Amino acid sequence: MTVPGPALLFCPGDRPERFARAAEVADGAILDLEDGVAPADKAAARAAVAAADLDRATTVVRINPVGTREHREDLAMVRDAGYGLVMLPKTETRSAAEELTGLAVIALCETAAGVLKAAEIAEADNVTALMWGAEDLMASIGGSRSRRPDGAYNEVSLLARSMVLLATGAAGRAAIDAVHLDIGDRDGLLTECLLAVSDGFTHKACVHPAQVPVVTKGFAPTQAQVEWADAVLAEALASPNGAFAFRGSMVDEPLLRQARAILARNRPRPGSSTARPA
């Protein structure tokens, strides 16, 4: 199952009045049964998600972690309600994902153990994407913050981010960048999205609807990038004998793959009015 994207929006499972809006503004809604729901409200959230009138093909359900009673009950609900794509928090082993038979899994690598096993987890046949998470990661190693005072990620977070990204690249899976918790920091979010795209991330998760258009803009190629990609691929058709010179630079297959990736991102979301950046 393909993960809708690039913009994914978390929505608490116990707030059904927000479900339709989340699905409308984002490429995919993540109905959250884990951290976004208080323990006392888990059952009500599960019932609300089961009854949600949403497209099962573009809706993700974040279930509770392996080993909890809620995990087992979440799985039963997901299967009964016809959902096919789940996010497994705190994934730490390949087998944890493989045990979710019949379901496509977004493995959330957000603990030290999960990050260290990211490459193995990505190889599971039913894993369609990996996402990394900074805050739970820092908690798992006794840290107190994932970012430096200037807002940039600290070294441990950057290492985890890179390890998860490399694991997805090696296994051919989608790569989802972590959330940006400062809702008002749209400039910082855009900068983070541009870096994520340049590094190879395919998706970005959001915690508020206002972040979605920023992610959409950040992941869309510029007009200049699209023009270059179109032109270089056209030149490649006229020069089928390997590397060739184009606008003063040598071009070979890796650059052509980058051009194809740019054009693959140049697909506006149906109904979106977001203009492609210049």
Protein backbone atom coordinates (compact mmCIF):
# COMPACT_ATOMS: atom_id res chain seq x y z
CA MET A 1 0.00 0.00 0.00
CA THR A 2 1.37 3.41 -0.97
CA VAL A 3 1.66 6.05 1.72
CA PRO A 4 -0.24 9.20 0.66
CA GLY A 5 1.90 12.28 0.66
CA PRO A 6 3.90 14.30 1.02
CA ALA A 7 1.90 15.92 3.85
CA LEU A 8 0.62 13.66 6.62
CA LEU A 9 -1.41 15.15 9.48
CA PHE A 10 -1.78 13.65 12.94
CA CYS A 11 -5.27 13.86 14.43
CA PRO A 12 -6.18 12.61 17.93
CA GLY A 13 -8.38 9.55 17.73
CA ASP A 14 -10.74 10.89 20.37
CA ARG A 15 -11.55 14.00 18.32
CA PRO A 16 -13.82 12.63 15.57
CA GLU A 17 -15.10 16.11 14.77
CA ARG A 18 -11.62 16.82 13.35
CA PHE A 19 -11.27 13.70 11.21
CA ALA A 20 -12.90 15.04 8.03
CA ARG A 21 -10.95 18.29 8.19
CA ALA A 22 -7.65 16.45 8.62
CA ALA A 23 -8.39 14.24 5.63
CA GLU A 24 -9.43 17.28 3.59
CA VAL A 25 -6.40 19.48 4.16
CA ALA A 26 -3.65 16.83 4.14
CA ASP A 27 -2.67 14.15 1.66
CA GLY A 28 -3.22 11.60 4.40
CA ALA A 29 -4.64 11.73 7.92
CA ILE A 30 -3.02 9.80 10.76
CA LEU A 31 -5.70 8.93 13.29
CA ASP A 32 -3.74 8.63 16.51
CA LEU A 33 -4.63 6.08 19.18
CA GLU A 34 -1.29 6.39 20.99
CA ASP A 35 0.33 9.55 22.37
CA GLY A 36 -2.46 11.86 21.25
CA VAL A 37 -5.03 10.12 23.47
CA ALA A 38 -5.15 9.97 27.27
CA PRO A 39 -5.24 6.44 28.75
CA ALA A 40 -8.79 6.91 29.99
CA ASP A 41 -9.98 7.84 26.51
CA LYS A 42 -8.39 4.98 24.54
CA ALA A 43 -11.59 2.93 24.21
CA ALA A 44 -13.63 5.92 23.05
CA ALA A 45 -10.94 6.84 20.53
CA ARG A 46 -10.88 3.29 19.21
CA ALA A 47 -14.64 3.37 18.71
CA ALA A 48 -14.47 6.74 16.97
CA VAL A 49 -11.79 5.56 14.56
CA ALA A 50 -13.76 2.40 13.82
CA ALA A 51 -16.81 4.50 12.91
CA ALA A 52 -14.93 7.14 10.90
CA ASP A 53 -16.31 7.78 7.42
CA LEU A 54 -12.90 8.18 5.77
CA ASP A 55 -11.19 6.71 2.74
CA ARG A 56 -9.33 3.69 4.06
CA ALA A 57 -6.76 4.00 1.25
CA THR A 58 -5.54 7.42 2.42
CA THR A 59 -5.99 7.03 6.17
CA VAL A 60 -3.30 5.82 8.56
CA VAL A 61 -4.07 4.56 12.06
CA ARG A 62 -1.33 4.93 14.65
CA ILE A 63 -1.91 2.04 16.99
CA ASN A 64 -0.43 1.54 20.45
CA PRO A 65 2.97 -0.15 20.96
CA VAL A 66 3.58 -3.89 20.96
CA GLY A 67 3.12 -5.52 24.35
CA THR A 68 0.21 -3.39 25.53
CA ARG A 69 -3.42 -4.40 25.92
CA GLU A 70 -4.36 -1.44 23.76
CA HIS A 71 -2.16 -2.77 20.96
CA ARG A 72 -4.14 -5.98 20.72
CA GLU A 73 -7.47 -4.17 20.85
CA ASP A 74 -6.33 -1.62 18.28
CA LEU A 75 -5.35 -4.38 15.88
CA ALA A 76 -8.71 -6.10 16.21
CA MET A 77 -10.50 -2.82 15.50
CA VAL A 78 -8.27 -1.94 12.53
CA ARG A 79 -8.95 -5.26 10.86
CA ASP A 80 -12.68 -5.22 11.59
CA ALA A 81 -13.02 -1.63 10.31
CA GLY A 82 -11.17 -2.33 7.06
CA TYR A 83 -8.07 -0.19 7.56
CA GLY A 84 -5.02 -1.38 5.69
CA LEU A 85 -2.24 1.02 6.72
CA VAL A 86 -1.04 1.38 10.31
CA MET A 87 1.77 3.25 12.02
CA LEU A 88 3.55 1.14 14.62
CA PRO A 89 5.12 3.35 17.29
CA LYS A 90 8.37 2.42 18.99
CA THR A 91 9.15 -0.30 16.46
CA GLU A 92 12.30 -2.04 17.63
CA THR A 93 12.40 -5.31 15.69
CA ARG A 94 11.60 -6.57 12.22
CA SER A 95 9.37 -9.26 13.70
CA ALA A 96 7.18 -6.66 15.41
CA ALA A 97 6.18 -5.36 11.98
CA GLU A 98 5.96 -8.78 10.35
CA GLU A 99 3.52 -9.96 13.01
CA LEU A 100 0.98 -7.42 11.73
CA THR A 101 -0.07 -9.81 8.98
CA GLY A 102 -2.32 -8.43 6.30
CA LEU A 103 -1.46 -4.83 7.15
CA ALA A 104 0.94 -2.36 5.56
CA VAL A 105 3.14 -0.83 8.23
CA ILE A 106 4.78 2.54 8.73
CA ALA A 107 7.46 1.67 11.26
CA LEU A 108 8.15 4.53 13.63
CA CYS A 109 11.79 4.28 14.74
CA GLU A 110 11.84 6.53 17.78
CA THR A 111 13.91 4.69 20.36
CA ALA A 112 17.60 3.90 20.46
CA ALA A 113 16.85 0.22 19.82
CA GLY A 114 14.57 1.03 16.90
CA VAL A 115 17.04 3.35 15.23
CA LEU A 116 19.84 0.79 15.55
CA LYS A 117 17.59 -1.85 13.94
CA ALA A 118 16.15 0.48 11.25
CA ALA A 119 17.86 -1.32 8.36
CA GLU A 120 16.47 -4.70 9.48
CA ILE A 121 12.99 -3.29 10.10
CA ALA A 122 12.89 -1.73 6.64
CA GLU A 123 13.46 -5.16 5.07
CA ALA A 124 10.16 -6.56 6.38
CA ASP A 125 7.89 -7.30 3.43
CA ASN A 126 4.91 -5.45 4.87
CA VAL A 127 6.85 -2.31 5.86
CA THR A 128 6.05 0.41 3.37
CA ALA A 129 7.77 3.34 5.12
CA LEU A 130 9.91 4.33 8.07
CA MET A 131 9.50 7.46 10.14
CA TRP A 132 11.89 8.73 12.76
CA GLY A 133 10.97 10.61 15.93
CA ALA A 134 13.24 12.86 17.94
CA GLU A 135 11.46 13.35 21.25
CA ASP A 136 10.86 9.71 22.16
CA LEU A 137 14.39 8.95 20.98
CA MET A 138 15.88 11.42 23.44
CA ALA A 139 13.68 10.06 26.22
CA SER A 140 14.88 6.52 25.45
CA ILE A 141 18.50 7.49 26.07
CA GLY A 142 17.88 9.79 29.02
CA GLY A 143 18.27 13.01 27.07
CA SER A 144 16.32 16.18 27.80
CA ARG A 145 16.02 17.91 24.43
CA SER A 146 16.40 17.02 20.75
CA ARG A 147 17.34 20.47 19.49
CA ARG A 148 20.06 22.98 20.25
CA PRO A 149 19.15 26.49 21.47
CA ASP A 150 19.23 27.75 17.86
CA GLY A 151 16.50 25.28 16.89
CA ALA A 152 18.71 22.90 14.93
CA TYR A 153 18.69 19.21 15.82
CA ASN A 154 21.48 17.98 18.09
CA GLU A 155 24.03 15.44 16.90
CA VAL A 156 22.21 12.38 18.25
CA SER A 157 18.97 13.36 16.51
CA LEU A 158 20.78 14.02 13.23
CA LEU A 159 22.48 10.63 13.44
CA ALA A 160 19.14 8.89 14.00
CA ARG A 161 17.57 10.83 11.15
CA SER A 162 20.37 9.76 8.81
CA MET A 163 20.25 6.12 9.88
CA VAL A 164 16.51 5.87 9.25
CA LEU A 165 16.83 7.67 5.92
CA LEU A 166 19.63 5.37 4.77
CA ALA A 167 17.62 2.33 5.83
CA THR A 168 14.69 3.42 3.65
CA GLY A 169 16.97 4.12 0.73
CA ALA A 170 18.61 0.71 0.96
CA ALA A 171 15.26 -1.10 1.18
CA GLY A 172 13.35 1.05 -1.31
CA ARG A 173 10.84 2.31 1.26
CA ALA A 174 9.25 5.72 1.75
CA ALA A 175 10.95 8.00 4.28
CA ILE A 176 8.86 10.22 6.58
CA ASP A 177 10.56 13.13 8.31
CA ALA A 178 9.76 13.88 11.96
CA VAL A 179 7.24 16.47 13.08
CA HIS A 180 8.12 20.12 13.71
CA LEU A 181 6.53 20.84 17.10
CA ASP A 182 6.78 24.65 16.96
CA ILE A 183 3.48 25.33 15.17
CA GLY A 184 4.14 29.04 14.76
CA ASP A 185 7.61 28.59 13.26
CA ARG A 186 6.61 28.35 9.61
CA ASP A 187 9.95 29.61 8.33
CA GLY A 188 11.75 26.94 10.33
CA LEU A 189 9.34 24.29 9.08
CA LEU A 190 9.85 25.34 5.47
CA THR A 191 13.62 25.24 5.89
CA GLU A 192 13.31 21.79 7.42
CA CYS A 193 11.13 20.61 4.51
CA LEU A 194 13.55 21.88 1.88
CA LEU A 195 16.40 20.07 3.64
CA ALA A 196 14.30 16.91 3.94
CA VAL A 197 13.57 16.91 0.21
CA SER A 198 17.18 17.52 -0.73
CA ASP A 199 18.26 14.67 1.53
CA GLY A 200 15.74 12.21 0.08
CA PHE A 201 12.75 12.19 2.42
CA THR A 202 9.48 11.58 0.62
CA HIS A 203 7.04 12.71 3.33
CA LYS A 204 6.73 15.03 6.31
CA ALA A 205 4.38 14.58 9.25
CA CYS A 206 2.45 17.54 10.66
CA VAL A 207 0.87 18.22 14.04
CA HIS A 208 -1.42 21.09 12.97
CA PRO A 209 -3.43 21.86 9.81
CA ALA A 210 -1.57 25.17 9.39
CA GLN A 211 1.62 23.21 8.73
CA VAL A 212 0.21 21.30 5.76
CA PRO A 213 0.51 24.06 3.10
CA VAL A 214 4.07 24.75 4.26
CA VAL A 215 4.98 21.09 3.77
CA THR A 216 3.22 21.03 0.40
CA LYS A 217 5.21 24.04 -0.72
CA GLY A 218 8.48 22.72 0.67
CA PHE A 219 8.17 19.36 -1.07
CA ALA A 220 7.05 20.76 -4.44
CA PRO A 221 9.85 21.38 -6.95
CA THR A 222 10.44 24.93 -8.12
CA GLN A 223 9.64 25.95 -11.67
CA ALA A 224 13.38 26.21 -12.33
CA GLN A 225 13.92 22.66 -11.10
CA VAL A 226 11.10 21.32 -13.27
CA GLU A 227 12.42 23.16 -16.31
CA TRP A 228 15.91 21.75 -15.74
CA ALA A 229 14.58 18.23 -15.23
CA ASP A 230 12.46 18.37 -18.40
CA ALA A 231 15.35 19.76 -20.42
CA VAL A 232 18.02 17.37 -19.19
CA LEU A 233 15.81 14.32 -19.74
CA ALA A 234 14.99 15.53 -23.24
CA GLU A 235 18.69 15.94 -23.92
CA ALA A 236 19.31 12.43 -22.60
CA LEU A 237 16.91 11.04 -25.20
CA ALA A 238 18.92 12.80 -27.89
CA SER A 239 22.21 11.58 -26.42
CA PRO A 240 21.65 7.90 -25.65
CA ASN A 241 25.31 6.97 -25.40
CA GLY A 242 25.98 7.58 -21.71
CA ALA A 243 27.33 10.73 -20.09
CA PHE A 244 26.94 14.03 -21.90
CA ALA A 245 27.55 17.75 -21.36
CA PHE A 246 24.53 19.85 -20.45
CA ARG A 247 24.64 23.56 -19.64
CA GLY A 248 28.28 23.38 -18.72
CA SER A 249 28.07 20.29 -16.51
CA MET A 250 28.55 16.59 -17.10
CA VAL A 251 25.39 14.53 -16.74
CA ASP A 252 25.20 10.78 -16.15
CA GLU A 253 22.64 8.34 -14.81
CA PRO A 254 22.65 9.54 -11.15
CA LEU A 255 21.71 13.06 -12.27
CA LEU A 256 19.04 11.66 -14.56
CA ARG A 257 17.56 9.79 -11.62
CA GLN A 258 17.49 13.06 -9.69
CA ALA A 259 15.67 14.69 -12.61
CA ARG A 260 13.07 11.92 -12.64
CA ALA A 261 12.60 12.32 -8.89
CA ILE A 262 11.95 16.05 -9.35
CA LEU A 263 9.26 15.38 -11.93
CA ALA A 264 7.73 12.70 -9.72
CA ARG A 265 7.23 15.38 -7.05
CA ASN A 266 5.67 17.74 -9.60
CA ARG A 267 2.18 16.32 -9.12
CA PRO A 268 -0.26 18.72 -7.47
CA ARG A 269 -2.64 17.19 -4.97
CA PRO A 270 -6.17 16.89 -6.40
CA GLY A 271 -8.13 19.97 -5.43
CA SER A 272 -5.03 21.78 -4.17
CA SER A 273 -4.66 25.48 -4.91
CA THR A 274 -1.09 25.65 -3.66
CA ALA A 275 1.05 27.26 -6.32
CA ARG A 276 4.39 25.78 -7.22
CA PRO A 277 7.18 27.99 -5.87
CA ALA A 278 9.26 29.98 -8.34
